[in-house]
PDB file of N, CA and C in Angstrom:
ATOM      1  N   MET A   1       0.595  -1.236   0.081  1.00  0.00           N
ATOM      2  CA  MET A   1      -0.334  -0.335   0.176  1.00  0.00           C
ATOM      3  C   MET A   1       1.291   1.166  -0.126  1.00  0.00           C
ATOM      4  N   LEU A   2       0.413   2.153  -0.548  1.00  0.00           N
ATOM      5  CA  LEU A   2       1.114   3.385  -0.385  1.00  0.00           C
ATOM      6  C   LEU A   2       0.986   4.404   0.512  1.00  0.00           C
ATOM      7  N   LEU A   3       1.737   5.082   1.108  1.00  0.00           N
ATOM      8  CA  LEU A   3       0.893   6.047   1.973  1.00  0.00           C
ATOM      9  C   LEU A   3       1.410   7.540   1.665  1.00  0.00           C
ATOM     10  N   ASP A   4       0.768   8.614   2.082  1.00  0.00           N
ATOM     11  CA  ASP A   4       0.822   9.377   2.424  1.00  0.00           C
ATOM     12  C   ASP A   4       1.693  10.272   2.899  1.00  0.00           C
ATOM     13  N   ALA A   5       2.471  11.629   2.467  1.00  0.00           N
ATOM     14  CA  ALA A   5       3.585  12.007   3.026  1.00  0.00           C
ATOM     15  C   ALA A   5       3.298  12.123   4.660  1.00  0.00           C
ATOM     16  N   PHE A   6       2.077  12.257   4.872  1.00  0.00           N
ATOM     17  CA  PHE A   6       2.027  12.559   6.852  1.00  0.00           C
ATOM     18  C   PHE A   6       2.254  11.284   7.374  1.00  0.00           C
ATOM     19  N   GLN A   7       1.375  10.553   6.500  1.00  0.00           N
ATOM     20  CA  GLN A   7       1.764   8.952   7.209  1.00  0.00           C
ATOM     21  C   GLN A   7       3.428   8.183   7.100  1.00  0.00           C
ATOM     22  N   ILE A   8       3.682   8.624   6.486  1.00  0.00           N
ATOM     23  CA  ILE A   8       5.201   8.034   6.079  1.00  0.00           C
ATOM     24  C   ILE A   8       6.301   9.238   7.277  1.00  0.00           C
ATOM     25  N   GLY A   9       6.153  10.614   7.259  1.00  0.00           N
ATOM     26  CA  GLY A   9       6.562  11.168   8.352  1.00  0.00           C
ATOM     27  C   GLY A   9       6.459  10.990   9.543  1.00  0.00           C
ATOM     28  N   SER A  10       5.208  10.225  10.065  1.00  0.00           N
ATOM     29  CA  SER A  10       4.863   9.597  11.175  1.00  0.00           C
ATOM     30  C   SER A  10       5.641   8.500  11.481  1.00  0.00           C
ATOM     31  N   VAL A  11       5.320   7.730  10.566  1.00  0.00           N
ATOM     32  CA  VAL A  11       6.322   6.428  10.600  1.00  0.00           C
ATOM     33  C   VAL A  11       7.900   6.575  11.172  1.00  0.00           C
ATOM     34  N   GLU A  12       8.732   7.615  10.264  1.00  0.00           N
ATOM     35  CA  GLU A  12      10.056   7.959  10.214  1.00  0.00           C
ATOM     36  C   GLU A  12       9.991   8.616  12.189  1.00  0.00           C
ATOM     37  N   LYS A  13       9.530   9.353  12.526  1.00  0.00           N
ATOM     38  CA  LYS A  13       9.424   9.877  13.607  1.00  0.00           C
ATOM     39  C   LYS A  13       9.084   8.894  14.762  1.00  0.00           C
ATOM     40  N   SER A  14       8.618   7.886  14.423  1.00  0.00           N
ATOM     41  CA  SER A  14       7.782   6.846  15.689  1.00  0.00           C
ATOM     42  C   SER A  14       8.670   5.953  15.174  1.00  0.00           C
ATOM     43  N   THR A  15       9.565   5.441  13.950  1.00  0.00           N
ATOM     44  CA  THR A  15      10.197   3.808  14.611  1.00  0.00           C
ATOM     45  C   THR A  15      11.668   4.670  14.206  1.00  0.00           C
ATOM     46  N   ASP A  16      12.927   3.278  13.766  1.00  0.00           N
ATOM     47  CA  ASP A  16      13.747   3.944  13.488  1.00  0.00           C
ATOM     48  C   ASP A  16      13.850   2.797  11.726  1.00  0.00           C
ATOM     49  N   LEU A  17      12.578   3.546  10.863  1.00  0.00           N
ATOM     50  CA  LEU A  17      12.738   3.067   9.238  1.00  0.00           C
ATOM     51  C   LEU A  17      12.654   4.322   8.742  1.00  0.00           C
ATOM     52  N   VAL A  18      13.381   4.317   7.786  1.00  0.00           N
ATOM     53  CA  VAL A  18      13.258   5.390   6.981  1.00  0.00           C
ATOM     54  C   VAL A  18      12.577   4.631   5.603  1.00  0.00           C
ATOM     55  N   ALA A  19      11.844   5.936   4.913  1.00  0.00           N
ATOM     56  CA  ALA A  19      11.479   5.594   3.736  1.00  0.00           C
ATOM     57  C   ALA A  19      12.793   5.845   2.428  1.00  0.00           C
ATOM     58  N   ILE A  20      12.088   4.566   1.152  1.00  0.00           N
ATOM     59  CA  ILE A  20      12.873   4.707   0.343  1.00  0.00           C
ATOM     60  C   ILE A  20      12.368   5.477  -0.542  1.00  0.00           C
ATOM     61  N   ALA A  21      12.761   6.319  -0.982  1.00  0.00           N
ATOM     62  CA  ALA A  21      12.018   7.624  -2.384  1.00  0.00           C
ATOM     63  C   ALA A  21      11.935   6.603  -3.138  1.00  0.00           C
ATOM     64  N   GLU A  22      11.030   7.612  -3.933  1.00  0.00           N
ATOM     65  CA  GLU A  22      10.582   6.987  -5.248  1.00  0.00           C
ATOM     66  C   GLU A  22      11.570   7.062  -7.092  1.00  0.00           C
ATOM     67  N   ASP A  23      12.393   8.021  -6.249  1.00  0.00           N
ATOM     68  CA  ASP A  23      13.557   8.430  -7.369  1.00  0.00           C
ATOM     69  C   ASP A  23      14.566   7.587  -7.249  1.00  0.00           C
ATOM     70  N   HIS A  24      14.658   6.993  -5.942  1.00  0.00           N
ATOM     71  CA  HIS A  24      16.065   6.064  -5.538  1.00  0.00           C
ATOM     72  C   HIS A  24      16.184   5.157  -6.545  1.00  0.00           C
ATOM     73  N   SER A  25      17.659   4.591  -6.619  1.00  0.00           N
ATOM     74  CA  SER A  25      17.829   3.770  -7.750  1.00  0.00           C
ATOM     75  C   SER A  25      17.150   2.284  -7.612  1.00  0.00           C
ATOM     76  N   ALA A  26      17.002   1.844  -6.580  1.00  0.00           N
ATOM     77  CA  ALA A  26      16.314   0.436  -6.098  1.00  0.00           C
ATOM     78  C   ALA A  26      14.765   0.322  -6.599  1.00  0.00           C
ATOM     79  N   PHE A  27      14.296   1.828  -5.892  1.00  0.00           N
ATOM     80  CA  PHE A  27      13.045   1.856  -6.238  1.00  0.00           C
ATOM     81  C   PHE A  27      12.202   0.854  -7.368  1.00  0.00           C
ATOM     82  N   GLU A  28      12.366   0.945  -8.226  1.00  0.00           N
ATOM     83  CA  GLU A  28      11.870   0.325  -9.525  1.00  0.00           C
ATOM     84  C   GLU A  28      12.186  -1.592  -9.258  1.00  0.00           C
ATOM     85  N   ALA A  29      12.848  -1.602  -8.945  1.00  0.00           N
ATOM     86  CA  ALA A  29      13.320  -3.089  -8.655  1.00  0.00           C
ATOM     87  C   ALA A  29      12.500  -3.707  -7.827  1.00  0.00           C
ATOM     88  N   LEU A  30      12.447  -2.763  -6.533  1.00  0.00           N
ATOM     89  CA  LEU A  30      11.691  -3.046  -4.926  1.00  0.00           C
ATOM     90  C   LEU A  30      10.251  -3.348  -5.855  1.00  0.00           C
ATOM     91  N   ARG A  31       9.632  -2.325  -6.793  1.00  0.00           N
ATOM     92  CA  ARG A  31       7.695  -2.205  -6.981  1.00  0.00           C
ATOM     93  C   ARG A  31       7.493  -3.597  -7.953  1.00  0.00           C
ATOM     94  N   GLN A  32       8.786  -3.674  -9.173  1.00  0.00           N
ATOM     95  CA  GLN A  32       8.803  -4.877 -10.008  1.00  0.00           C
ATOM     96  C   GLN A  32       8.442  -6.381  -8.846  1.00  0.00           C
ATOM     97  N   ALA A  33       9.776  -6.545  -7.887  1.00  0.00           N
ATOM     98  CA  ALA A  33       9.783  -7.663  -7.266  1.00  0.00           C
ATOM     99  C   ALA A  33       8.275  -7.811  -5.919  1.00  0.00           C
ATOM    100  N   PHE A  34       7.969  -6.471  -5.679  1.00  0.00           N
ATOM    101  CA  PHE A  34       6.954  -6.898  -4.525  1.00  0.00           C
ATOM    102  C   PHE A  34       5.857  -6.133  -4.149  1.00  0.00           C
ATOM    103  N   GLY A  35       5.249  -5.105  -5.761  1.00  0.00           N
ATOM    104  CA  GLY A  35       4.312  -4.178  -5.754  1.00  0.00           C
ATOM    105  C   GLY A  35       4.137  -3.261  -5.348  1.00  0.00           C
ATOM    106  N   GLU A  36       3.603  -2.475  -5.711  1.00  0.00           N
ATOM    107  CA  GLU A  36       3.443  -0.798  -5.067  1.00  0.00           C
ATOM    108  C   GLU A  36       3.002  -0.934  -3.725  1.00  0.00           C
ATOM    109  N   HIS A  37       4.031  -0.640  -3.300  1.00  0.00           N
ATOM    110  CA  HIS A  37       4.295   0.180  -1.875  1.00  0.00           C
ATOM    111  C   HIS A  37       5.183   1.500  -1.507  1.00  0.00           C
ATOM    112  N   THR A  38       5.144   1.838  -0.450  1.00  0.00           N
ATOM    113  CA  THR A  38       5.667   2.926   0.447  1.00  0.00           C
ATOM    114  C   THR A  38       6.767   1.764   1.129  1.00  0.00           C
ATOM    115  N   TYR A  39       8.151   1.451   0.795  1.00  0.00           N
ATOM    116  CA  TYR A  39       9.057   0.977   1.054  1.00  0.00           C
ATOM    117  C   TYR A  39       9.925   1.546   2.338  1.00  0.00           C
ATOM    118  N   PHE A  40       9.916   0.919   3.307  1.00  0.00           N
ATOM    119  CA  PHE A  40      10.614   1.250   4.116  1.00  0.00           C
ATOM    120  C   PHE A  40      11.968   0.245   4.674  1.00  0.00           C
ATOM    121  N   VAL A  41      13.153   0.922   5.009  1.00  0.00           N
ATOM    122  CA  VAL A  41      14.615   0.184   5.596  1.00  0.00           C
ATOM    123  C   VAL A  41      14.724   0.202   6.635  1.00  0.00           C
ATOM    124  N   ASN A  42      15.177  -0.478   7.720  1.00  0.00           N
ATOM    125  CA  ASN A  42      16.053  -0.303   8.764  1.00  0.00           C
ATOM    126  C   ASN A  42      17.452  -1.054   8.590  1.00  0.00           C
ATOM    127  N   ASN A  43      18.399  -1.166  10.037  1.00  0.00           N
ATOM    128  CA  ASN A  43      19.160  -1.931   9.861  1.00  0.00           C
ATOM    129  C   ASN A  43      19.113  -3.382   9.995  1.00  0.00           C
ATOM    130  N   HIS A  44      17.493  -3.989  10.049  1.00  0.00           N
ATOM    131  CA  HIS A  44      17.725  -4.972   9.916  1.00  0.00           C
ATOM    132  C   HIS A  44      16.853  -5.445   8.232  1.00  0.00           C
ATOM    133  N   GLY A  45      16.650  -4.700   8.105  1.00  0.00           N
ATOM    134  CA  GLY A  45      15.889  -5.318   6.576  1.00  0.00           C
ATOM    135  C   GLY A  45      14.779  -4.046   5.425  1.00  0.00           C
ATOM    136  N   LEU A  46      13.852  -4.666   5.159  1.00  0.00           N
ATOM    137  CA  LEU A  46      13.241  -3.687   4.141  1.00  0.00           C
ATOM    138  C   LEU A  46      11.602  -4.456   4.334  1.00  0.00           C
ATOM    139  N   TYR A  47      10.697  -3.286   4.719  1.00  0.00           N
ATOM    140  CA  TYR A  47       9.292  -3.386   5.393  1.00  0.00           C
ATOM    141  C   TYR A  47       8.231  -2.198   4.170  1.00  0.00           C
ATOM    142  N   VAL A  48       7.214  -3.189   4.532  1.00  0.00           N
ATOM    143  CA  VAL A  48       6.367  -2.609   3.849  1.00  0.00           C
ATOM    144  C   VAL A  48       4.577  -2.130   4.962  1.00  0.00           C
ATOM    145  N   PHE A  49       3.770  -1.349   4.605  1.00  0.00           N
ATOM    146  CA  PHE A  49       2.480  -1.791   5.943  1.00  0.00           C
ATOM    147  C   PHE A  49       1.700  -2.410   5.213  1.00  0.00           C
ATOM    148  N   ARG A  50       0.726  -3.306   4.932  1.00  0.00           N
ATOM    149  CA  ARG A  50      -0.369  -3.771   4.618  1.00  0.00           C
ATOM    150  C   ARG A  50      -1.605  -3.848   5.580  1.00  0.00           C
ATOM    151  N   ARG A  51      -2.765  -3.128   5.021  1.00  0.00           N
ATOM    152  CA  ARG A  51      -4.464  -2.555   5.662  1.00  0.00           C
ATOM    153  C   ARG A  51      -4.350  -3.893   6.342  1.00  0.00           C
ATOM    154  N   GLU A  52      -4.614  -3.847   7.494  1.00  0.00           N
ATOM    155  CA  GLU A  52      -5.543  -5.363   8.120  1.00  0.00           C
ATOM    156  C   GLU A  52      -7.070  -4.950   8.153  1.00  0.00           C
ATOM    157  N   SER A  53      -7.981  -6.581   7.461  1.00  0.00           N
ATOM    158  CA  SER A  53      -9.020  -6.979   7.018  1.00  0.00           C
ATOM    159  C   SER A  53      -9.974  -6.365   7.838  1.00  0.00           C
ATOM    160  N   ALA A  54     -10.927  -5.972   7.753  1.00  0.00           N
ATOM    161  CA  ALA A  54     -11.623  -5.417   8.920  1.00  0.00           C
ATOM    162  C   ALA A  54     -13.535  -6.201   8.274  1.00  0.00           C
ATOM    163  N   GLU A  55     -14.431  -7.190   8.798  1.00  0.00           N
ATOM    164  CA  GLU A  55     -15.186  -7.148   8.642  1.00  0.00           C
ATOM    165  C   GLU A  55     -16.479  -6.608   7.838  1.00  0.00           C
ATOM    166  N   ASN A  56     -17.130  -5.274   8.340  1.00  0.00           N
ATOM    167  CA  ASN A  56     -18.050  -4.800   7.846  1.00  0.00           C
ATOM    168  C   ASN A  56     -17.696  -3.443   7.837  1.00  0.00           C
ATOM    169  N   ASP A  57     -16.207  -3.187   7.963  1.00  0.00           N
ATOM    170  CA  ASP A  57     -15.670  -1.747   7.908  1.00  0.00           C
ATOM    171  C   ASP A  57     -14.531  -1.736   6.901  1.00  0.00           C
ATOM    172  N   GLU A  58     -14.418  -0.758   6.397  1.00  0.00           N
ATOM    173  CA  GLU A  58     -13.263  -0.270   5.957  1.00  0.00           C
ATOM    174  C   GLU A  58     -12.045  -0.354   7.249  1.00  0.00           C
ATOM    175  N   ALA A  59     -10.537  -1.180   6.440  1.00  0.00           N
ATOM    176  CA  ALA A  59      -9.966  -1.219   7.391  1.00  0.00           C
ATOM    177  C   ALA A  59      -8.952  -0.178   7.278  1.00  0.00           C
ATOM    178  N   ARG A  60      -9.261   0.687   8.587  1.00  0.00           N
ATOM    179  CA  ARG A  60      -8.669   1.977   9.360  1.00  0.00           C
ATOM    180  C   ARG A  60      -7.186   1.419   9.700  1.00  0.00           C
ATOM    181  N   ARG A  61      -6.513   0.142   9.901  1.00  0.00           N
ATOM    182  CA  ARG A  61      -5.050   0.081  10.710  1.00  0.00           C
ATOM    183  C   ARG A  61      -4.409  -0.599   9.524  1.00  0.00           C
ATOM    184  N   ALA A  62      -3.192  -0.531   9.544  1.00  0.00           N
ATOM    185  CA  ALA A  62      -2.612  -1.325   8.831  1.00  0.00           C
ATOM    186  C   ALA A  62      -1.266  -1.741   9.823  1.00  0.00           C
ATOM    187  N   ARG A  63      -1.177  -2.881   9.606  1.00  0.00           N
ATOM    188  CA  ARG A  63       0.705  -3.503  10.034  1.00  0.00           C
ATOM    189  C   ARG A  63       1.444  -3.576   9.679  1.00  0.00           C
ATOM    190  N   LEU A  64       2.997  -3.838  10.108  1.00  0.00           N
ATOM    191  CA  LEU A  64       3.619  -3.168   9.529  1.00  0.00           C
ATOM    192  C   LEU A  64       4.695  -5.066   8.854  1.00  0.00           C
ATOM    193  N   PHE A  65       5.141  -5.124   7.940  1.00  0.00           N
ATOM    194  CA  PHE A  65       5.772  -6.300   7.125  1.00  0.00           C
ATOM    195  C   PHE A  65       6.920  -6.256   7.052  1.00  0.00           C
ATOM    196  N   ALA A  66       7.814  -7.142   7.576  1.00  0.00           N
ATOM    197  CA  ALA A  66       9.042  -7.581   6.837  1.00  0.00           C
ATOM    198  C   ALA A  66       8.988  -8.501   5.930  1.00  0.00           C
ATOM    199  N   PHE A  67       9.685  -7.792   4.672  1.00  0.00           N
ATOM    200  CA  PHE A  67       9.324  -8.947   3.017  1.00  0.00           C
ATOM    201  C   PHE A  67      10.783  -9.171   2.625  1.00  0.00           C
ATOM    202  N   ALA A  68      12.211  -8.832   3.229  1.00  0.00           N
ATOM    203  CA  ALA A  68      13.367  -8.605   3.278  1.00  0.00           C
ATOM    204  C   ALA A  68      14.121  -8.548   4.190  1.00  0.00           C
ATOM    205  N   MET A  69      15.350  -9.971   4.630  1.00  0.00           N
ATOM    206  CA  MET A  69      16.107  -9.208   5.478  1.00  0.00           C
ATOM    207  C   MET A  69      17.518  -9.414   4.571  1.00  0.00           C
ATOM    208  N   TRP A  70      18.753  -7.919   5.336  1.00  0.00           N
ATOM    209  CA  TRP A  70      19.795  -7.840   5.141  1.00  0.00           C
ATOM    210  C   TRP A  70      20.356  -9.634   5.026  1.00  0.00           C
ATOM    211  N   SER A  71      20.749  -9.492   3.890  1.00  0.00           N
ATOM    212  CA  SER A  71      22.036 -10.848   3.894  1.00  0.00           C
ATOM    213  C   SER A  71      23.139 -10.415   4.960  1.00  0.00           C
ATOM    214  N   GLN A  72      23.492 -11.872   5.350  1.00  0.00           N
ATOM    215  CA  GLN A  72      24.484 -12.192   6.281  1.00  0.00           C
ATOM    216  C   GLN A  72      25.836 -11.798   5.787  1.00  0.00           C
ATOM    217  N   GLU A  73      26.097 -12.499   4.399  1.00  0.00           N
ATOM    218  CA  GLU A  73      27.110 -12.258   3.421  1.00  0.00           C
ATOM    219  C   GLU A  73      27.399 -10.941   3.246  1.00  0.00           C
ATOM    220  N   ASN A  74      26.083 -10.165   2.745  1.00  0.00           N
ATOM    221  CA  ASN A  74      26.684  -9.430   2.050  1.00  0.00           C
ATOM    222  C   ASN A  74      25.477  -7.967   2.472  1.00  0.00           C
ATOM    223  N   GLU A  75      26.151  -7.183   3.214  1.00  0.00           N
ATOM    224  CA  GLU A  75      25.401  -6.301   4.319  1.00  0.00           C
ATOM    225  C   GLU A  75      24.539  -5.383   3.167  1.00  0.00           C
ATOM    226  N   ASN A  76      25.205  -5.275   1.893  1.00  0.00           N
ATOM    227  CA  ASN A  76      24.425  -4.218   0.843  1.00  0.00           C
ATOM    228  C   ASN A  76      23.325  -5.053   0.335  1.00  0.00           C
ATOM    229  N   GLN A  77      23.074  -6.315  -0.189  1.00  0.00           N
ATOM    230  CA  GLN A  77      22.204  -7.017  -0.622  1.00  0.00           C
ATOM    231  C   GLN A  77      21.032  -7.521   0.603  1.00  0.00           C
ATOM    232  N   LEU A  78      19.800  -7.800   0.079  1.00  0.00           N
ATOM    233  CA  LEU A  78      18.458  -7.923   0.502  1.00  0.00           C
ATOM    234  C   LEU A  78      18.263  -9.636   0.030  1.00  0.00           C
ATOM    235  N   ALA A  79      17.712 -10.345   1.055  1.00  0.00           N
ATOM    236  CA  ALA A  79      17.572 -11.602   1.144  1.00  0.00           C
ATOM    237  C   ALA A  79      16.117 -12.058   0.977  1.00  0.00           C
ATOM    238  N   PRO A  80      15.246 -12.040   0.180  1.00  0.00           N
ATOM    239  CA  PRO A  80      13.680 -11.916   0.216  1.00  0.00           C
ATOM    240  C   PRO A  80      13.032 -13.811   1.449  1.00  0.00           C
ATOM    241  N   LEU A  81      12.201 -12.911   1.913  1.00  0.00           N
ATOM    242  CA  LEU A  81      11.555 -13.532   3.240  1.00  0.00           C
ATOM    243  C   LEU A  81      10.949 -14.839   2.339  1.00  0.00           C
ATOM    244  N   ALA A  82      10.510 -15.898   2.407  1.00  0.00           N
ATOM    245  CA  ALA A  82       9.606 -17.291   1.920  1.00  0.00           C
ATOM    246  C   ALA A  82       8.157 -16.144   1.902  1.00  0.00           C
ATOM    247  N   GLU A  83       7.712 -15.698   2.649  1.00  0.00           N
ATOM    248  CA  GLU A  83       6.737 -15.236   3.486  1.00  0.00           C
ATOM    249  C   GLU A  83       6.978 -14.085   4.114  1.00  0.00           C
ATOM    250  N   PRO A  84       6.169 -12.892   3.610  1.00  0.00           N
ATOM    251  CA  PRO A  84       6.275 -11.979   4.874  1.00  0.00           C
ATOM    252  C   PRO A  84       5.985 -12.053   5.980  1.00  0.00           C
ATOM    253  N   LEU A  85       6.682 -11.123   6.732  1.00  0.00           N
ATOM    254  CA  LEU A  85       6.991 -11.953   8.384  1.00  0.00           C
ATOM    255  C   LEU A  85       6.073 -10.178   9.212  1.00  0.00           C
ATOM    256  N   ALA A  86       4.987 -10.485   9.462  1.00  0.00           N
ATOM    257  CA  ALA A  86       4.251  -9.077  10.453  1.00  0.00           C
ATOM    258  C   ALA A  86       5.269  -9.027  11.777  1.00  0.00           C
ATOM    259  N   THR A  87       4.816  -7.494  12.115  1.00  0.00           N
ATOM    260  CA  THR A  87       5.327  -7.594  13.206  1.00  0.00           C
ATOM    261  C   THR A  87       4.612  -6.637  14.487  1.00  0.00           C
ATOM    262  N   ASP A  88       5.149  -6.186  14.992  1.00  0.00           N
ATOM    263  CA  ASP A  88       4.226  -5.818  16.136  1.00  0.00           C
ATOM    264  C   ASP A  88       3.468  -4.603  16.134  1.00  0.00           C
ATOM    265  N   VAL A  89       3.992  -3.775  14.882  1.00  0.00           N
ATOM    266  CA  VAL A  89       3.738  -1.888  14.794  1.00  0.00           C
ATOM    267  C   VAL A  89       2.752  -2.227  13.763  1.00  0.00           C
ATOM    268  N   THR A  90       1.685  -1.439  13.800  1.00  0.00           N
ATOM    269  CA  THR A  90       0.588  -0.710  14.117  1.00  0.00           C
ATOM    270  C   THR A  90       0.454   0.755  13.510  1.00  0.00           C
ATOM    271  N   MET A  91      -0.163   1.295  12.694  1.00  0.00           N
ATOM    272  CA  MET A  91      -0.430   2.484  12.037  1.00  0.00           C
ATOM    273  C   MET A  91      -2.107   2.999  12.010  1.00  0.00           C
ATOM    274  N   ASP A  92      -2.885   3.773  12.480  1.00  0.00           N
ATOM    275  CA  ASP A  92      -3.387   4.045  12.589  1.00  0.00           C
ATOM    276  C   ASP A  92      -4.035   4.935  11.048  1.00  0.00           C
ATOM    277  N   LEU A  93      -4.488   4.810  10.298  1.00  0.00           N
ATOM    278  CA  LEU A  93      -4.347   5.248   8.769  1.00  0.00           C
ATOM    279  C   LEU A  93      -5.276   6.260   8.631  1.00  0.00           C
ATOM    280  N   GLU A  94      -5.908   6.777   9.758  1.00  0.00           N
ATOM    281  CA  GLU A  94      -6.667   8.018   9.761  1.00  0.00           C
ATOM    282  C   GLU A  94      -5.584   9.601  10.391  1.00  0.00           C
ATOM    283  N   ASN A  95      -5.458   9.083  11.170  1.00  0.00           N
ATOM    284  CA  ASN A  95      -4.666   9.807  12.044  1.00  0.00           C
ATOM    285  C   ASN A  95      -3.199   9.639  12.013  1.00  0.00           C
ATOM    286  N   ALA A  96      -2.369   8.614  11.531  1.00  0.00           N
ATOM    287  CA  ALA A  96      -0.740   8.252  11.051  1.00  0.00           C
ATOM    288  C   ALA A  96      -0.276   7.939  12.414  1.00  0.00           C
ATOM    289  N   ALA A  97      -1.273   7.605  13.516  1.00  0.00           N
ATOM    290  CA  ALA A  97      -0.621   7.070  15.013  1.00  0.00           C
ATOM    291  C   ALA A  97       0.090   6.083  14.370  1.00  0.00           C
ATOM    292  N   VAL A  98       1.687   5.893  14.905  1.00  0.00           N
ATOM    293  CA  VAL A  98       2.021   4.769  14.930  1.00  0.00           C
ATOM    294  C   VAL A  98       2.526   3.836  16.331  1.00  0.00           C
ATOM    295  N   ARG A  99       2.257   2.936  16.623  1.00  0.00           N
ATOM    296  CA  ARG A  99       2.174   2.226  17.845  1.00  0.00           C
ATOM    297  C   ARG A  99       2.677   0.485  17.828  1.00  0.00           C
ATOM    298  N   LYS A 100       3.991   0.073  18.933  1.00  0.00           N
ATOM    299  CA  LYS A 100       3.787  -1.316  18.913  1.00  0.00           C
ATOM    300  C   LYS A 100       2.986  -1.493  20.012  1.00  0.00           C
ATOM    301  N   GLU A 101       2.480  -2.922  19.384  1.00  0.00           N
ATOM    302  CA  GLU A 101       1.494  -3.368  20.420  1.00  0.00           C
ATOM    303  C   GLU A 101       1.471  -3.604  21.898  1.00  0.00           C
ATOM    304  N   GLU A 102       3.229  -3.453  22.274  1.00  0.00           N
ATOM    305  CA  GLU A 102       3.308  -3.736  23.745  1.00  0.00           C
ATOM    306  C   GLU A 102       2.961  -1.930  23.874  1.00  0.00           C
ATOM    307  N   ASP A 103       3.114  -1.340  23.332  1.00  0.00           N
ATOM    308  CA  ASP A 103       2.626   0.431  23.584  1.00  0.00           C
ATOM    309  C   ASP A 103       1.315   0.542  23.643  1.00  0.00           C
ATOM    310  N   ALA A 104       0.357  -0.513  23.750  1.00  0.00           N
ATOM    311  CA  ALA A 104      -1.335  -0.613  23.457  1.00  0.00           C
ATOM    312  C   ALA A 104      -1.686  -1.070  24.645  1.00  0.00           C
ATOM    313  N   VAL A 105      -0.145  -2.363  25.399  1.00  0.00           N
ATOM    314  CA  VAL A 105      -0.912  -2.512  26.522  1.00  0.00           C
ATOM    315  C   VAL A 105      -0.698  -2.054  27.240  1.00  0.00           C
ATOM    316  N   SER A 106       0.433  -1.279  27.384  1.00  0.00           N
ATOM    317  CA  SER A 106       0.800  -0.520  28.548  1.00  0.00           C
ATOM    318  C   SER A 106      -0.069   0.383  28.878  1.00  0.00           C
ATOM    319  N   ASP A 107      -1.075   1.032  27.444  1.00  0.00           N
ATOM    320  CA  ASP A 107      -1.809   2.096  27.909  1.00  0.00           C
ATOM    321  C   ASP A 107      -3.013   2.521  28.370  1.00  0.00           C
ATOM    322  N   GLU A 108      -3.136   0.719  28.880  1.00  0.00           N
ATOM    323  CA  GLU A 108      -4.338   0.231  29.444  1.00  0.00           C
ATOM    324  C   GLU A 108      -4.544   0.509  30.633  1.00  0.00           C
TER     325      GLU A 108
END
């Protein structure tokens, strides 16, 4: 899924993730390999947000998924995961609030 500038800023402010700009040399290869997304990287790997499914309502929350991890043999090369791996990071798509699930539990 594609995020807007406000959502991207919220992710970068709240996490150690950095968005990959659409004019980056790797962006087109990522889009061809993984689809149309806003891509984020950190020192662990490559991530995207996916909407969480909602039964009778449009999904208003997205979860961060890892798509690839940095190769142990070559720190400049990403190794795709067989299946995307869900993380504990979510974002409210209406207000761009980014949270870790442990943060949500501690607020109660």
